[in-house]
Amino acid sequence: MRFVLYTLIRVGLILAAGVLLSLAGLRSWLLWITAILVGAMVSFLLLRRQTAEFSQSLTSLTPRRTAGRQAAQDAAAEDALVDQAAESEGDRAPRVGAAESEGGRGNQGDGEEDSVNQDQKPRP
């Protein structure tokens, strides 16, 4: 809500400056560039309280974003530790698929299912 209010006040200041500058005789693109500059200066001087409230509301969102970023970094660090543990454990215990890499037959290429025959339905 603060964002909408702050934005509407700034747009109103720019339009008011545009009307005043138009009455002063400025026309075309110079009118709107000058109106934007005058509106920015006036809002800087008159809207300090609204600017502070708006920036405070944005700052309150930052911890949530930081927390999400921190969670992603923690997950990446945990994944690295798990991978490292798996590599060091791989020297002690065979991994899944080790039979295929050591010349075992495995389940590839023969077209047969180990647990369910194609003609039979699996039991619940």
PDB file of N, CA and C in Angstrom:
ATOM      1  N   MET A   1       0.817  -1.188   0.000  1.00  0.00           N
ATOM      2  CA  MET A   1       0.000   0.000   0.000  1.00  0.00           C
ATOM      3  C   MET A   1       0.865   1.259   0.000  1.00  0.00           C
ATOM      4  N   ARG A   2       1.961   1.214   0.738  1.00  0.00           N
ATOM      5  CA  ARG A   2       2.841   2.380   0.788  1.00  0.00           C
ATOM      6  C   ARG A   2       3.440   2.670  -0.590  1.00  0.00           C
ATOM      7  N   PHE A   3       3.735   1.604  -1.315  1.00  0.00           N
ATOM      8  CA  PHE A   3       4.300   1.771  -2.649  1.00  0.00           C
ATOM      9  C   PHE A   3       3.314   2.500  -3.554  1.00  0.00           C
ATOM     10  N   VAL A   4       2.049   2.100  -3.504  1.00  0.00           N
ATOM     11  CA  VAL A   4       1.025   2.711  -4.358  1.00  0.00           C
ATOM     12  C   VAL A   4       0.838   4.177  -3.984  1.00  0.00           C
ATOM     13  N   LEU A   5       0.743   4.460  -2.687  1.00  0.00           N
ATOM     14  CA  LEU A   5       0.553   5.831  -2.238  1.00  0.00           C
ATOM     15  C   LEU A   5       1.735   6.716  -2.635  1.00  0.00           C
ATOM     16  N   TYR A   6       2.932   6.238  -2.390  1.00  0.00           N
ATOM     17  CA  TYR A   6       4.140   6.992  -2.717  1.00  0.00           C
ATOM     18  C   TYR A   6       4.214   7.262  -4.217  1.00  0.00           C
ATOM     19  N   THR A   7       3.922   6.251  -5.019  1.00  0.00           N
ATOM     20  CA  THR A   7       3.970   6.398  -6.475  1.00  0.00           C
ATOM     21  C   THR A   7       2.910   7.380  -6.967  1.00  0.00           C
ATOM     22  N   LEU A   8       1.706   7.292  -6.426  1.00  0.00           N
ATOM     23  CA  LEU A   8       0.644   8.214  -6.843  1.00  0.00           C
ATOM     24  C   LEU A   8       0.980   9.660  -6.488  1.00  0.00           C
ATOM     25  N   ILE A   9       1.560   9.885  -5.322  1.00  0.00           N
ATOM     26  CA  ILE A   9       1.945  11.245  -4.943  1.00  0.00           C
ATOM     27  C   ILE A   9       3.018  11.777  -5.890  1.00  0.00           C
ATOM     28  N   ARG A  10       3.999  10.938  -6.221  1.00  0.00           N
ATOM     29  CA  ARG A  10       5.066  11.393  -7.131  1.00  0.00           C
ATOM     30  C   ARG A  10       4.523  11.683  -8.524  1.00  0.00           C
ATOM     31  N   VAL A  11       3.656  10.824  -9.020  1.00  0.00           N
ATOM     32  CA  VAL A  11       3.051  11.059 -10.338  1.00  0.00           C
ATOM     33  C   VAL A  11       2.220  12.335 -10.307  1.00  0.00           C
ATOM     34  N   GLY A  12       1.493  12.555  -9.217  1.00  0.00           N
ATOM     35  CA  GLY A  12       0.713  13.781  -9.077  1.00  0.00           C
ATOM     36  C   GLY A  12       1.588  15.024  -9.082  1.00  0.00           C
ATOM     37  N   LEU A  13       2.751  14.949  -8.412  1.00  0.00           N
ATOM     38  CA  LEU A  13       3.671  16.087  -8.417  1.00  0.00           C
ATOM     39  C   LEU A  13       4.222  16.359  -9.818  1.00  0.00           C
ATOM     40  N   ILE A  14       4.516  15.306 -10.557  1.00  0.00           N
ATOM     41  CA  ILE A  14       5.026  15.475 -11.924  1.00  0.00           C
ATOM     42  C   ILE A  14       3.954  16.086 -12.815  1.00  0.00           C
ATOM     43  N   LEU A  15       2.709  15.608 -12.676  1.00  0.00           N
ATOM     44  CA  LEU A  15       1.619  16.174 -13.487  1.00  0.00           C
ATOM     45  C   LEU A  15       1.351  17.630 -13.114  1.00  0.00           C
ATOM     46  N   ALA A  16       1.391  17.931 -11.825  1.00  0.00           N
ATOM     47  CA  ALA A  16       1.176  19.326 -11.398  1.00  0.00           C
ATOM     48  C   ALA A  16       2.285  20.223 -11.954  1.00  0.00           C
ATOM     49  N   ALA A  17       3.525  19.749 -11.897  1.00  0.00           N
ATOM     50  CA  ALA A  17       4.627  20.532 -12.463  1.00  0.00           C
ATOM     51  C   ALA A  17       4.442  20.688 -13.968  1.00  0.00           C
ATOM     52  N   GLY A  18       3.947  19.643 -14.639  1.00  0.00           N
ATOM     53  CA  GLY A  18       3.696  19.735 -16.077  1.00  0.00           C
ATOM     54  C   GLY A  18       2.645  20.761 -16.415  1.00  0.00           C
ATOM     55  N   VAL A  19       1.587  20.806 -15.629  1.00  0.00           N
ATOM     56  CA  VAL A  19       0.529  21.793 -15.866  1.00  0.00           C
ATOM     57  C   VAL A  19       1.069  23.205 -15.651  1.00  0.00           C
ATOM     58  N   LEU A  20       1.802  23.395 -14.548  1.00  0.00           N
ATOM     59  CA  LEU A  20       2.357  24.725 -14.268  1.00  0.00           C
ATOM     60  C   LEU A  20       3.356  25.159 -15.345  1.00  0.00           C
ATOM     61  N   LEU A  21       4.185  24.247 -15.779  1.00  0.00           N
ATOM     62  CA  LEU A  21       5.157  24.584 -16.822  1.00  0.00           C
ATOM     63  C   LEU A  21       4.471  24.825 -18.169  1.00  0.00           C
ATOM     64  N   SER A  22       3.370  24.120 -18.416  1.00  0.00           N
ATOM     65  CA  SER A  22       2.611  24.351 -19.643  1.00  0.00           C
ATOM     66  C   SER A  22       1.994  25.747 -19.632  1.00  0.00           C
ATOM     67  N   LEU A  23       1.490  26.157 -18.471  1.00  0.00           N
ATOM     68  CA  LEU A  23       0.937  27.510 -18.352  1.00  0.00           C
ATOM     69  C   LEU A  23       2.034  28.566 -18.496  1.00  0.00           C
ATOM     70  N   ALA A  24       3.282  28.157 -18.133  1.00  0.00           N
ATOM     71  CA  ALA A  24       4.407  29.079 -18.261  1.00  0.00           C
ATOM     72  C   ALA A  24       4.892  29.182 -19.706  1.00  0.00           C
ATOM     73  N   GLY A  25       4.418  28.294 -20.588  1.00  0.00           N
ATOM     74  CA  GLY A  25       4.767  28.423 -21.993  1.00  0.00           C
ATOM     75  C   GLY A  25       5.665  27.328 -22.538  1.00  0.00           C
ATOM     76  N   LEU A  26       6.062  26.352 -21.732  1.00  0.00           N
ATOM     77  CA  LEU A  26       6.888  25.248 -22.259  1.00  0.00           C
ATOM     78  C   LEU A  26       6.010  24.292 -23.054  1.00  0.00           C
ATOM     79  N   ARG A  27       6.571  23.723 -24.097  1.00  0.00           N
ATOM     80  CA  ARG A  27       5.834  22.783 -24.951  1.00  0.00           C
ATOM     81  C   ARG A  27       6.726  21.584 -25.285  1.00  0.00           C
ATOM     82  N   SER A  28       6.117  20.535 -25.788  1.00  0.00           N
ATOM     83  CA  SER A  28       6.716  19.319 -26.323  1.00  0.00           C
ATOM     84  C   SER A  28       7.530  18.556 -25.283  1.00  0.00           C
ATOM     85  N   TRP A  29       8.609  17.931 -25.726  1.00  0.00           N
ATOM     86  CA  TRP A  29       9.395  17.038 -24.857  1.00  0.00           C
ATOM     87  C   TRP A  29      10.106  17.802 -23.760  1.00  0.00           C
ATOM     88  N   LEU A  30      10.446  19.057 -23.978  1.00  0.00           N
ATOM     89  CA  LEU A  30      11.105  19.864 -22.961  1.00  0.00           C
ATOM     90  C   LEU A  30      10.192  20.074 -21.753  1.00  0.00           C
ATOM     91  N   LEU A  31       8.895  20.171 -22.006  1.00  0.00           N
ATOM     92  CA  LEU A  31       7.919  20.315 -20.930  1.00  0.00           C
ATOM     93  C   LEU A  31       7.972  19.119 -19.993  1.00  0.00           C
ATOM     94  N   TRP A  32       7.953  17.905 -20.558  1.00  0.00           N
ATOM     95  CA  TRP A  32       7.872  16.709 -19.710  1.00  0.00           C
ATOM     96  C   TRP A  32       9.202  16.385 -19.046  1.00  0.00           C
ATOM     97  N   ILE A  33      10.297  16.660 -19.709  1.00  0.00           N
ATOM     98  CA  ILE A  33      11.594  16.439 -19.055  1.00  0.00           C
ATOM     99  C   ILE A  33      11.754  17.391 -17.869  1.00  0.00           C
ATOM    100  N   THR A  34      11.380  18.639 -18.075  1.00  0.00           N
ATOM    101  CA  THR A  34      11.456  19.619 -16.991  1.00  0.00           C
ATOM    102  C   THR A  34      10.465  19.267 -15.881  1.00  0.00           C
ATOM    103  N   ALA A  35       9.287  18.801 -16.235  1.00  0.00           N
ATOM    104  CA  ALA A  35       8.286  18.411 -15.236  1.00  0.00           C
ATOM    105  C   ALA A  35       8.784  17.251 -14.389  1.00  0.00           C
ATOM    106  N   ILE A  36       9.445  16.282 -15.014  1.00  0.00           N
ATOM    107  CA  ILE A  36       9.994  15.148 -14.265  1.00  0.00           C
ATOM    108  C   ILE A  36      11.085  15.619 -13.313  1.00  0.00           C
ATOM    109  N   LEU A  37      11.953  16.490 -13.778  1.00  0.00           N
ATOM    110  CA  LEU A  37      13.020  17.007 -12.916  1.00  0.00           C
ATOM    111  C   LEU A  37      12.463  17.829 -11.758  1.00  0.00           C
ATOM    112  N   VAL A  38      11.505  18.699 -12.046  1.00  0.00           N
ATOM    113  CA  VAL A  38      10.901  19.519 -10.984  1.00  0.00           C
ATOM    114  C   VAL A  38      10.139  18.623 -10.006  1.00  0.00           C
ATOM    115  N   GLY A  39       9.395  17.653 -10.525  1.00  0.00           N
ATOM    116  CA  GLY A  39       8.662  16.724  -9.659  1.00  0.00           C
ATOM    117  C   GLY A  39       9.603  15.922  -8.761  1.00  0.00           C
ATOM    118  N   ALA A  40      10.752  15.506  -9.294  1.00  0.00           N
ATOM    119  CA  ALA A  40      11.725  14.766  -8.490  1.00  0.00           C
ATOM    120  C   ALA A  40      12.296  15.649  -7.387  1.00  0.00           C
ATOM    121  N   MET A  41      12.603  16.895  -7.710  1.00  0.00           N
ATOM    122  CA  MET A  41      13.152  17.800  -6.688  1.00  0.00           C
ATOM    123  C   MET A  41      12.121  18.116  -5.606  1.00  0.00           C
ATOM    124  N   VAL A  42      10.897  18.365  -6.013  1.00  0.00           N
ATOM    125  CA  VAL A  42       9.855  18.676  -5.032  1.00  0.00           C
ATOM    126  C   VAL A  42       9.567  17.458  -4.155  1.00  0.00           C
ATOM    127  N   SER A  43       9.524  16.280  -4.755  1.00  0.00           N
ATOM    128  CA  SER A  43       9.269  15.076  -3.952  1.00  0.00           C
ATOM    129  C   SER A  43      10.426  14.799  -3.004  1.00  0.00           C
ATOM    130  N   PHE A  44      11.648  15.126  -3.398  1.00  0.00           N
ATOM    131  CA  PHE A  44      12.798  14.963  -2.514  1.00  0.00           C
ATOM    132  C   PHE A  44      12.662  15.870  -1.296  1.00  0.00           C
ATOM    133  N   LEU A  45      12.162  17.077  -1.518  1.00  0.00           N
ATOM    134  CA  LEU A  45      12.032  18.032  -0.421  1.00  0.00           C
ATOM    135  C   LEU A  45      10.790  17.783   0.439  1.00  0.00           C
ATOM    136  N   LEU A  46       9.672  17.423  -0.175  1.00  0.00           N
ATOM    137  CA  LEU A  46       8.412  17.335   0.559  1.00  0.00           C
ATOM    138  C   LEU A  46       8.030  15.934   1.021  1.00  0.00           C
ATOM    139  N   LEU A  47       8.584  14.918   0.423  1.00  0.00           N
ATOM    140  CA  LEU A  47       8.144  13.543   0.731  1.00  0.00           C
ATOM    141  C   LEU A  47       9.184  12.750   1.520  1.00  0.00           C
ATOM    142  N   ARG A  48       9.924  13.395   2.393  1.00  0.00           N
ATOM    143  CA  ARG A  48      10.951  12.676   3.165  1.00  0.00           C
ATOM    144  C   ARG A  48      10.333  11.607   4.057  1.00  0.00           C
ATOM    145  N   ARG A  49       9.229  11.923   4.723  1.00  0.00           N
ATOM    146  CA  ARG A  49       8.593  10.951   5.615  1.00  0.00           C
ATOM    147  C   ARG A  49       8.075   9.746   4.808  1.00  0.00           C
ATOM    148  N   GLN A  50       7.403   9.986   3.684  1.00  0.00           N
ATOM    149  CA  GLN A  50       6.896   8.896   2.852  1.00  0.00           C
ATOM    150  C   GLN A  50       8.038   8.084   2.263  1.00  0.00           C
ATOM    151  N   THR A  51       9.126   8.756   1.897  1.00  0.00           N
ATOM    152  CA  THR A  51      10.298   8.040   1.374  1.00  0.00           C
ATOM    153  C   THR A  51      10.884   7.125   2.443  1.00  0.00           C
ATOM    154  N   ALA A  52      10.971   7.619   3.679  1.00  0.00           N
ATOM    155  CA  ALA A  52      11.504   6.812   4.778  1.00  0.00           C
ATOM    156  C   ALA A  52      10.599   5.612   5.066  1.00  0.00           C
ATOM    157  N   GLU A  53       9.283   5.826   5.068  1.00  0.00           N
ATOM    158  CA  GLU A  53       8.354   4.716   5.295  1.00  0.00           C
ATOM    159  C   GLU A  53       8.443   3.681   4.184  1.00  0.00           C
ATOM    160  N   PHE A  54       8.528   4.158   2.959  1.00  0.00           N
ATOM    161  CA  PHE A  54       8.619   3.246   1.815  1.00  0.00           C
ATOM    162  C   PHE A  54       9.907   2.433   1.863  1.00  0.00           C
ATOM    163  N   SER A  55      11.028   3.098   2.162  1.00  0.00           N
ATOM    164  CA  SER A  55      12.294   2.362   2.237  1.00  0.00           C
ATOM    165  C   SER A  55      12.297   1.392   3.414  1.00  0.00           C
ATOM    166  N   GLN A  56      11.618   1.746   4.508  1.00  0.00           N
ATOM    167  CA  GLN A  56      11.511   0.831   5.651  1.00  0.00           C
ATOM    168  C   GLN A  56      10.717  -0.412   5.274  1.00  0.00           C
ATOM    169  N   SER A  57       9.646  -0.232   4.510  1.00  0.00           N
ATOM    170  CA  SER A  57       8.858  -1.391   4.089  1.00  0.00           C
ATOM    171  C   SER A  57       9.663  -2.290   3.151  1.00  0.00           C
ATOM    172  N   LEU A  58      10.509  -1.682   2.312  1.00  0.00           N
ATOM    173  CA  LEU A  58      11.375  -2.499   1.451  1.00  0.00           C
ATOM    174  C   LEU A  58      12.445  -3.210   2.257  1.00  0.00           C
ATOM    175  N   THR A  59      12.970  -2.549   3.275  1.00  0.00           N
ATOM    176  CA  THR A  59      14.000  -3.149   4.116  1.00  0.00           C
ATOM    177  C   THR A  59      13.441  -4.328   4.896  1.00  0.00           C
ATOM    178  N   SER A  60      12.182  -4.263   5.281  1.00  0.00           N
ATOM    179  CA  SER A  60      11.587  -5.380   6.016  1.00  0.00           C
ATOM    180  C   SER A  60      11.469  -6.632   5.147  1.00  0.00           C
ATOM    181  N   LEU A  61      11.460  -6.477   3.830  1.00  0.00           N
ATOM    182  CA  LEU A  61      11.414  -7.636   2.933  1.00  0.00           C
ATOM    183  C   LEU A  61      12.768  -8.308   2.779  1.00  0.00           C
ATOM    184  N   THR A  62      13.837  -7.583   3.027  1.00  0.00           N
ATOM    185  CA  THR A  62      15.187  -8.091   2.803  1.00  0.00           C
ATOM    186  C   THR A  62      15.509  -9.336   3.614  1.00  0.00           C
ATOM    187  N   PRO A  63      15.176  -9.433   4.916  1.00  0.00           N
ATOM    188  CA  PRO A  63      15.515 -10.651   5.653  1.00  0.00           C
ATOM    189  C   PRO A  63      14.892 -11.905   5.058  1.00  0.00           C
ATOM    190  N   ARG A  64      13.682 -11.793   4.519  1.00  0.00           N
ATOM    191  CA  ARG A  64      13.062 -12.966   3.903  1.00  0.00           C
ATOM    192  C   ARG A  64      13.826 -13.407   2.672  1.00  0.00           C
ATOM    193  N   ARG A  65      14.258 -12.455   1.868  1.00  0.00           N
ATOM    194  CA  ARG A  65      15.033 -12.807   0.675  1.00  0.00           C
ATOM    195  C   ARG A  65      16.389 -13.374   1.068  1.00  0.00           C
ATOM    196  N   THR A  66      17.000 -12.768   2.084  1.00  0.00           N
ATOM    197  CA  THR A  66      18.298 -13.243   2.548  1.00  0.00           C
ATOM    198  C   THR A  66      18.169 -14.642   3.121  1.00  0.00           C
ATOM    199  N   ALA A  67      17.074 -14.902   3.846  1.00  0.00           N
ATOM    200  CA  ALA A  67      16.864 -16.226   4.422  1.00  0.00           C
ATOM    201  C   ALA A  67      16.738 -17.275   3.319  1.00  0.00           C
ATOM    202  N   GLY A  68      16.032 -16.953   2.256  1.00  0.00           N
ATOM    203  CA  GLY A  68      15.906 -17.888   1.139  1.00  0.00           C
ATOM    204  C   GLY A  68      17.236 -18.143   0.465  1.00  0.00           C
ATOM    205  N   ARG A  69      18.031 -17.089   0.312  1.00  0.00           N
ATOM    206  CA  ARG A  69      19.354 -17.225  -0.286  1.00  0.00           C
ATOM    207  C   ARG A  69      20.258 -18.059   0.627  1.00  0.00           C
ATOM    208  N   GLN A  70      20.153 -17.820   1.952  1.00  0.00           N
ATOM    209  CA  GLN A  70      20.961 -18.572   2.906  1.00  0.00           C
ATOM    210  C   GLN A  70      20.566 -20.041   2.888  1.00  0.00           C
ATOM    211  N   ALA A  71      19.268 -20.328   2.759  1.00  0.00           N
ATOM    212  CA  ALA A  71      18.817 -21.719   2.695  1.00  0.00           C
ATOM    213  C   ALA A  71      19.384 -22.414   1.457  1.00  0.00           C
ATOM    214  N   ALA A  72      19.434 -21.725   0.351  1.00  0.00           N
ATOM    215  CA  ALA A  72      20.000 -22.311  -0.871  1.00  0.00           C
ATOM    216  C   ALA A  72      21.490 -22.582  -0.710  1.00  0.00           C
ATOM    217  N   GLN A  73      22.196 -21.651  -0.064  1.00  0.00           N
ATOM    218  CA  GLN A  73      23.630 -21.863   0.171  1.00  0.00           C
ATOM    219  C   GLN A  73      23.850 -23.024   1.128  1.00  0.00           C
ATOM    220  N   ASP A  74      23.007 -23.128   2.168  1.00  0.00           N
ATOM    221  CA  ASP A  74      23.124 -24.241   3.104  1.00  0.00           C
ATOM    222  C   ASP A  74      22.859 -25.580   2.412  1.00  0.00           C
ATOM    223  N   ALA A  75      21.863 -25.593   1.536  1.00  0.00           N
ATOM    224  CA  ALA A  75      21.547 -26.824   0.810  1.00  0.00           C
ATOM    225  C   ALA A  75      22.705 -27.223  -0.103  1.00  0.00           C
ATOM    226  N   ALA A  76      23.338 -26.251  -0.740  1.00  0.00           N
ATOM    227  CA  ALA A  76      24.476 -26.554  -1.608  1.00  0.00           C
ATOM    228  C   ALA A  76      25.648 -27.097  -0.792  1.00  0.00           C
ATOM    229  N   ALA A  77      25.880 -26.507   0.377  1.00  0.00           N
ATOM    230  CA  ALA A  77      26.963 -26.988   1.237  1.00  0.00           C
ATOM    231  C   ALA A  77      26.665 -28.395   1.730  1.00  0.00           C
ATOM    232  N   GLU A  78      25.405 -28.659   2.079  1.00  0.00           N
ATOM    233  CA  GLU A  78      25.028 -29.994   2.532  1.00  0.00           C
ATOM    234  C   GLU A  78      25.192 -31.013   1.404  1.00  0.00           C
ATOM    235  N   ASP A  79      24.800 -30.647   0.184  1.00  0.00           N
ATOM    236  CA  ASP A  79      24.968 -31.546  -0.954  1.00  0.00           C
ATOM    237  C   ASP A  79      26.438 -31.870  -1.181  1.00  0.00           C
ATOM    238  N   ALA A  80      27.290 -30.868  -1.035  1.00  0.00           N
ATOM    239  CA  ALA A  80      28.721 -31.107  -1.210  1.00  0.00           C
ATOM    240  C   ALA A  80      29.246 -32.073  -0.152  1.00  0.00           C
ATOM    241  N   LEU A  81      28.790 -31.929   1.087  1.00  0.00           N
ATOM    242  CA  LEU A  81      29.217 -32.840   2.144  1.00  0.00           C
ATOM    243  C   LEU A  81      28.724 -34.261   1.898  1.00  0.00           C
ATOM    244  N   VAL A  82      27.476 -34.379   1.432  1.00  0.00           N
ATOM    245  CA  VAL A  82      26.927 -35.702   1.131  1.00  0.00           C
ATOM    246  C   VAL A  82      27.702 -36.360  -0.008  1.00  0.00           C
ATOM    247  N   ASP A  83      28.019 -35.578  -1.046  1.00  0.00           N
ATOM    248  CA  ASP A  83      28.797 -36.116  -2.158  1.00  0.00           C
ATOM    249  C   ASP A  83      30.186 -36.543  -1.706  1.00  0.00           C
ATOM    250  N   GLN A  84      30.792 -35.741  -0.857  1.00  0.00           N
ATOM    251  CA  GLN A  84      32.126 -36.078  -0.351  1.00  0.00           C
ATOM    252  C   GLN A  84      32.068 -37.348   0.491  1.00  0.00           C
ATOM    253  N   ALA A  85      31.043 -37.481   1.316  1.00  0.00           N
ATOM    254  CA  ALA A  85      30.899 -38.680   2.143  1.00  0.00           C
ATOM    255  C   ALA A  85      30.643 -39.901   1.273  1.00  0.00           C
ATOM    256  N   ALA A  86      29.866 -39.734   0.211  1.00  0.00           N
ATOM    257  CA  ALA A  86      29.588 -40.854  -0.688  1.00  0.00           C
ATOM    258  C   ALA A  86      30.847 -41.298  -1.412  1.00  0.00           C
ATOM    259  N   GLU A  87      31.688 -40.345  -1.793  1.00  0.00           N
ATOM    260  CA  GLU A  87      32.936 -40.702  -2.461  1.00  0.00           C
ATOM    261  C   GLU A  87      33.877 -41.444  -1.522  1.00  0.00           C
ATOM    262  N   SER A  88      33.979 -40.983  -0.289  1.00  0.00           N
ATOM    263  CA  SER A  88      34.866 -41.656   0.652  1.00  0.00           C
ATOM    264  C   SER A  88      34.297 -43.000   1.067  1.00  0.00           C
ATOM    265  N   GLU A  89      32.969 -43.136   1.106  1.00  0.00           N
ATOM    266  CA  GLU A  89      32.333 -44.399   1.438  1.00  0.00           C
ATOM    267  C   GLU A  89      32.386 -45.361   0.260  1.00  0.00           C
ATOM    268  N   GLY A  90      32.521 -44.824  -0.941  1.00  0.00           N
ATOM    269  CA  GLY A  90      32.575 -45.650  -2.140  1.00  0.00           C
ATOM    270  C   GLY A  90      33.787 -46.572  -2.134  1.00  0.00           C
ATOM    271  N   ASP A  91      34.839 -46.240  -1.422  1.00  0.00           N
ATOM    272  CA  ASP A  91      36.006 -47.100  -1.326  1.00  0.00           C
ATOM    273  C   ASP A  91      35.719 -48.324  -0.466  1.00  0.00           C
ATOM    274  N   ARG A  92      34.761 -48.211   0.460  1.00  0.00           N
ATOM    275  CA  ARG A  92      34.475 -49.294   1.389  1.00  0.00           C
ATOM    276  C   ARG A  92      33.324 -50.175   0.951  1.00  0.00           C
ATOM    277  N   ALA A  93      32.315 -49.618   0.299  1.00  0.00           N
ATOM    278  CA  ALA A  93      31.130 -50.397  -0.059  1.00  0.00           C
ATOM    279  C   ALA A  93      30.834 -50.207  -1.544  1.00  0.00           C
ATOM    280  N   PRO A  94      30.342 -51.276  -2.205  1.00  0.00           N
ATOM    281  CA  PRO A  94      30.015 -51.135  -3.628  1.00  0.00           C
ATOM    282  C   PRO A  94      28.802 -50.229  -3.809  1.00  0.00           C
ATOM    283  N   ARG A  95      28.836 -49.440  -4.848  1.00  0.00           N
ATOM    284  CA  ARG A  95      27.728 -48.547  -5.159  1.00  0.00           C
ATOM    285  C   ARG A  95      26.698 -49.278  -5.998  1.00  0.00           C
ATOM    286  N   VAL A  96      25.528 -48.697  -6.099  1.00  0.00           N
ATOM    287  CA  VAL A  96      24.492 -49.251  -6.951  1.00  0.00           C
ATOM    288  C   VAL A  96      24.985 -49.171  -8.380  1.00  0.00           C
ATOM    289  N   GLY A  97      24.840 -50.244  -9.106  1.00  0.00           N
ATOM    290  CA  GLY A  97      25.307 -50.267 -10.473  1.00  0.00           C
ATOM    291  C   GLY A  97      26.742 -50.744 -10.591  1.00  0.00           C
ATOM    292  N   ALA A  98      27.348 -51.120  -9.490  1.00  0.00           N
ATOM    293  CA  ALA A  98      28.722 -51.590  -9.539  1.00  0.00           C
ATOM    294  C   ALA A  98      28.824 -52.915 -10.274  1.00  0.00           C
ATOM    295  N   ALA A  99      27.749 -53.714 -10.254  1.00  0.00           N
ATOM    296  CA  ALA A  99      27.768 -55.002 -10.938  1.00  0.00           C
ATOM    297  C   ALA A  99      27.922 -54.809 -12.445  1.00  0.00           C
ATOM    298  N   GLU A 100      27.257 -53.796 -12.999  1.00  0.00           N
ATOM    299  CA  GLU A 100      27.378 -53.555 -14.426  1.00  0.00           C
ATOM    300  C   GLU A 100      28.782 -53.094 -14.790  1.00  0.00           C
ATOM    301  N   SER A 101      29.370 -52.246 -13.935  1.00  0.00           N
ATOM    302  CA  SER A 101      30.687 -51.729 -14.271  1.00  0.00           C
ATOM    303  C   SER A 101      31.772 -52.774 -14.070  1.00  0.00           C
ATOM    304  N   GLU A 102      31.491 -53.820 -13.275  1.00  0.00           N
ATOM    305  CA  GLU A 102      32.493 -54.863 -13.036  1.00  0.00           C
ATOM    306  C   GLU A 102      32.232 -56.088 -13.905  1.00  0.00           C
ATOM    307  N   GLY A 103      31.421 -55.958 -14.928  1.00  0.00           N
ATOM    308  CA  GLY A 103      31.196 -57.065 -15.844  1.00  0.00           C
ATOM    309  C   GLY A 103      29.974 -57.878 -15.517  1.00  0.00           C
ATOM    310  N   GLY A 104      29.208 -57.499 -14.526  1.00  0.00           N
ATOM    311  CA  GLY A 104      27.980 -58.215 -14.190  1.00  0.00           C
ATOM    312  C   GLY A 104      26.934 -57.971 -15.246  1.00  0.00           C
ATOM    313  N   ARG A 105      25.953 -58.834 -15.270  1.00  0.00           N
ATOM    314  CA  ARG A 105      24.959 -58.752 -16.304  1.00  0.00           C
ATOM    315  C   ARG A 105      23.986 -57.619 -16.088  1.00  0.00           C
ATOM    316  N   GLY A 106      23.484 -57.479 -14.917  1.00  0.00           N
ATOM    317  CA  GLY A 106      22.554 -56.407 -14.630  1.00  0.00           C
ATOM    318  C   GLY A 106      21.244 -56.615 -15.349  1.00  0.00           C
ATOM    319  N   ASN A 107      20.570 -55.566 -15.661  1.00  0.00           N
ATOM    320  CA  ASN A 107      19.225 -55.602 -16.205  1.00  0.00           C
ATOM    321  C   ASN A 107      19.176 -54.936 -17.569  1.00  0.00           C
ATOM    322  N   GLN A 108      20.305 -54.592 -18.146  1.00  0.00           N
ATOM    323  CA  GLN A 108      20.296 -53.844 -19.390  1.00  0.00           C
ATOM    324  C   GLN A 108      20.412 -54.767 -20.592  1.00  0.00           C
ATOM    325  N   GLY A 109      19.580 -54.482 -21.571  1.00  0.00           N
ATOM    326  CA  GLY A 109      19.727 -55.135 -22.854  1.00  0.00           C
ATOM    327  C   GLY A 109      19.081 -56.483 -22.974  1.00  0.00           C
ATOM    328  N   ASP A 110      18.684 -57.164 -21.887  1.00  0.00           N
ATOM    329  CA  ASP A 110      18.113 -58.493 -22.031  1.00  0.00           C
ATOM    330  C   ASP A 110      16.597 -58.459 -22.161  1.00  0.00           C
ATOM    331  N   GLY A 111      15.962 -57.345 -21.836  1.00  0.00           N
ATOM    332  CA  GLY A 111      14.533 -57.213 -22.015  1.00  0.00           C
ATOM    333  C   GLY A 111      13.711 -57.937 -20.973  1.00  0.00           C
ATOM    334  N   GLU A 112      14.313 -58.595 -20.000  1.00  0.00           N
ATOM    335  CA  GLU A 112      13.570 -59.316 -18.979  1.00  0.00           C
ATOM    336  C   GLU A 112      13.416 -58.449 -17.742  1.00  0.00           C
ATOM    337  N   GLU A 113      12.327 -58.668 -17.052  1.00  0.00           N
ATOM    338  CA  GLU A 113      12.096 -57.996 -15.778  1.00  0.00           C
ATOM    339  C   GLU A 113      12.485 -58.970 -14.678  1.00  0.00           C
ATOM    340  N   ASP A 114      13.159 -58.473 -13.652  1.00  0.00           N
ATOM    341  CA  ASP A 114      13.570 -59.336 -12.557  1.00  0.00           C
ATOM    342  C   ASP A 114      12.420 -59.658 -11.616  1.00  0.00           C
ATOM    343  N   SER A 115      11.576 -58.712 -11.294  1.00  0.00           N
ATOM    344  CA  SER A 115      10.576 -58.942 -10.260  1.00  0.00           C
ATOM    345  C   SER A 115       9.202 -59.303 -10.827  1.00  0.00           C
ATOM    346  N   VAL A 116       8.886 -58.906 -12.044  1.00  0.00           N
ATOM    347  CA  VAL A 116       7.556 -59.147 -12.590  1.00  0.00           C
ATOM    348  C   VAL A 116       7.701 -59.693 -14.005  1.00  0.00           C
ATOM    349  N   ASN A 117       7.052 -60.792 -14.265  1.00  0.00           N
ATOM    350  CA  ASN A 117       7.013 -61.338 -15.613  1.00  0.00           C
ATOM    351  C   ASN A 117       6.008 -60.515 -16.410  1.00  0.00           C
ATOM    352  N   GLN A 118       6.232 -60.395 -17.710  1.00  0.00           N
ATOM    353  CA  GLN A 118       5.373 -59.580 -18.545  1.00  0.00           C
ATOM    354  C   GLN A 118       3.956 -60.135 -18.592  1.00  0.00           C
ATOM    355  N   ASP A 119       3.755 -61.428 -18.475  1.00  0.00           N
ATOM    356  CA  ASP A 119       2.442 -62.045 -18.568  1.00  0.00           C
ATOM    357  C   ASP A 119       1.693 -61.993 -17.246  1.00  0.00           C
ATOM    358  N   GLN A 120       2.355 -61.776 -16.142  1.00  0.00           N
ATOM    359  CA  GLN A 120       1.714 -61.787 -14.845  1.00  0.00           C
ATOM    360  C   GLN A 120       1.501 -60.378 -14.341  1.00  0.00           C
ATOM    361  N   LYS A 121       0.449 -60.225 -13.567  1.00  0.00           N
ATOM    362  CA  LYS A 121       0.174 -58.948 -12.916  1.00  0.00           C
ATOM    363  C   LYS A 121       0.878 -58.940 -11.566  1.00  0.00           C
ATOM    364  N   PRO A 122       1.394 -57.818 -11.136  1.00  0.00           N
ATOM    365  CA  PRO A 122       2.039 -57.770  -9.818  1.00  0.00           C
ATOM    366  C   PRO A 122       1.013 -57.937  -8.705  1.00  0.00           C
ATOM    367  N   ARG A 123       1.418 -58.587  -7.652  1.00  0.00           N
ATOM    368  CA  ARG A 123       0.528 -58.797  -6.512  1.00  0.00           C
ATOM    369  C   ARG A 123       0.577 -57.582  -5.598  1.00  0.00           C
ATOM    370  N   PRO A 124      -0.576 -57.238  -5.023  1.00  0.00           N
ATOM    371  CA  PRO A 124      -0.586 -56.061  -4.115  1.00  0.00           C
ATOM    372  C   PRO A 124       0.070 -56.351  -2.777  1.00  0.00           C
TER     373      PRO A 124
END
